[in-house]
Amino acid sequence: MTTLMEAQIRTELRTLREQRPAQYGLLDSHLSDVRDGIEACRRNYPSTTQIAAELDDPAITTQMLGNVLSLLARIGVIGIYSDRNNGNRYDLTEYDPIKMQYLSRLLGSDLTA
């Protein structure tokens, strides 16, 4: 199961790196901060602003945070509770710390393996 999960995440990251390198770079640069915000958040269905409020000294704007959260939802690390024009609500009841761990590890590796 974990090798399948890892292969799926690796494929998502390769595609993201090839097709949207700026988003890949954003994910790579800010994943640890976003993970900290997700894990500190006590709400089940927070907005981007509510997750941002959990960060002590964010080096990421709320817009960039929203982009990373959307990527995490696409990869399956978290869910989206409501998808709206003026701001999503994320479903943290679907947060998968194992997928987050694989994602963190794969971002720091060679994705060609």
Protein backbone atom coordinates (compact mmCIF):
# COMPACT_ATOMS: atom_id res chain seq x y z
CA MET A 1 0.00 0.00 0.00
CA THR A 2 2.68 2.48 0.94
CA THR A 3 4.66 1.84 -2.22
CA LEU A 4 1.52 2.51 -4.25
CA MET A 5 0.90 5.71 -2.30
CA GLU A 6 4.50 6.77 -2.77
CA ALA A 7 4.32 6.03 -6.51
CA GLN A 8 1.14 8.11 -6.86
CA ILE A 9 2.67 11.04 -4.99
CA ARG A 10 5.88 10.76 -7.03
CA THR A 11 3.82 10.87 -10.26
CA GLU A 12 1.87 13.92 -9.04
CA LEU A 13 5.11 15.71 -8.14
CA ARG A 14 6.76 14.91 -11.48
CA THR A 15 3.74 16.22 -13.35
CA LEU A 16 3.62 19.33 -11.20
CA ARG A 17 7.35 19.98 -11.64
CA GLU A 18 7.13 19.56 -15.43
CA GLN A 19 3.85 21.39 -16.08
CA ARG A 20 3.77 23.99 -13.31
CA PRO A 21 7.30 24.58 -12.03
CA ALA A 22 6.34 27.73 -10.10
CA GLN A 23 3.71 25.81 -8.11
CA TYR A 24 6.19 22.98 -7.53
CA GLY A 25 8.70 25.51 -6.18
CA LEU A 26 6.04 27.06 -3.94
CA LEU A 27 5.15 23.63 -2.53
CA ASP A 28 8.81 22.73 -2.05
CA SER A 29 9.64 26.03 -0.34
CA HIS A 30 6.71 26.24 2.05
CA LEU A 31 5.54 22.71 2.79
CA SER A 32 6.93 22.62 6.33
CA ASP A 33 5.21 25.88 7.29
CA VAL A 34 1.93 24.73 5.76
CA ARG A 35 2.21 21.37 7.54
CA ASP A 36 2.77 23.20 10.85
CA GLY A 37 -0.32 25.35 10.22
CA ILE A 38 -2.47 22.34 9.36
CA GLU A 39 -1.31 20.36 12.38
CA ALA A 40 -1.79 23.31 14.76
CA CYS A 41 -5.27 24.13 13.48
CA ARG A 42 -8.05 22.88 15.76
CA ARG A 43 -10.85 23.53 13.25
CA ASN A 44 -12.19 20.73 11.09
CA TYR A 45 -13.09 22.97 8.12
CA PRO A 46 -10.85 26.06 8.24
CA SER A 47 -10.34 28.77 5.68
CA THR A 48 -6.88 29.73 4.47
CA THR A 49 -6.92 32.73 6.81
CA GLN A 50 -7.70 30.53 9.79
CA ILE A 51 -4.81 28.20 8.98
CA ALA A 52 -2.51 31.21 8.43
CA ALA A 53 -3.42 32.46 11.92
CA GLU A 54 -1.80 29.31 13.34
CA LEU A 55 1.61 30.22 11.92
CA ASP A 56 3.92 32.09 14.30
CA ASP A 57 5.97 34.04 11.77
CA PRO A 58 4.68 33.17 8.32
CA ALA A 59 7.05 33.64 5.42
CA ILE A 60 4.10 32.89 3.14
CA THR A 61 1.19 35.09 2.09
CA THR A 62 -2.38 33.85 2.47
CA GLN A 63 -2.64 33.65 -1.33
CA MET A 64 0.46 31.46 -1.54
CA LEU A 65 -0.85 29.40 1.39
CA GLY A 66 -4.13 28.89 -0.46
CA ASN A 67 -2.23 27.69 -3.53
CA VAL A 68 -0.26 25.16 -1.47
CA LEU A 69 -3.42 23.97 0.31
CA SER A 70 -5.12 23.44 -3.06
CA LEU A 71 -2.12 21.41 -4.24
CA LEU A 72 -2.28 19.31 -1.07
CA ALA A 73 -5.96 18.66 -1.74
CA ARG A 74 -5.18 17.60 -5.30
CA ILE A 75 -2.49 15.21 -4.06
CA GLY A 76 -4.90 13.85 -1.46
CA VAL A 77 -3.18 15.01 1.72
CA ILE A 78 -6.24 17.07 2.78
CA GLY A 79 -9.75 17.48 1.43
CA ILE A 80 -11.75 20.45 0.24
CA TYR A 81 -14.94 21.06 2.18
CA SER A 82 -16.21 23.88 -0.03
CA ASP A 83 -14.69 25.20 -3.23
CA ARG A 84 -15.57 28.89 -3.62
CA ASN A 85 -14.34 31.86 -5.63
CA ASN A 86 -13.63 33.97 -2.58
CA GLY A 87 -11.87 31.27 -0.54
CA ASN A 88 -12.03 27.57 0.01
CA ARG A 89 -12.71 25.75 3.22
CA TYR A 90 -10.45 22.75 3.69
CA ASP A 91 -11.47 19.45 5.23
CA LEU A 92 -8.80 18.66 7.78
CA THR A 93 -10.73 15.59 8.94
CA GLU A 94 -9.22 14.04 5.78
CA TYR A 95 -5.67 15.10 6.69
CA ASP A 96 -3.33 12.19 6.01
CA PRO A 97 -0.06 12.60 7.94
CA ILE A 98 1.44 9.53 6.22
CA LYS A 99 0.91 11.09 2.77
CA MET A 100 2.35 14.36 4.13
CA GLN A 101 5.42 12.46 5.33
CA TYR A 102 5.90 10.81 1.91
CA LEU A 103 5.37 14.14 0.17
CA SER A 104 7.98 15.84 2.37
CA ARG A 105 10.48 13.07 1.76
CA LEU A 106 9.87 12.96 -2.00
CA LEU A 107 10.24 16.72 -2.41
CA GLY A 108 13.77 16.39 -1.10
CA SER A 109 14.66 13.49 -3.43
CA ASP A 110 15.32 12.79 -7.07
CA LEU A 111 11.90 12.15 -8.61
CA THR A 112 13.31 10.13 -11.51
CA ALA A 113 13.76 7.00 -9.39
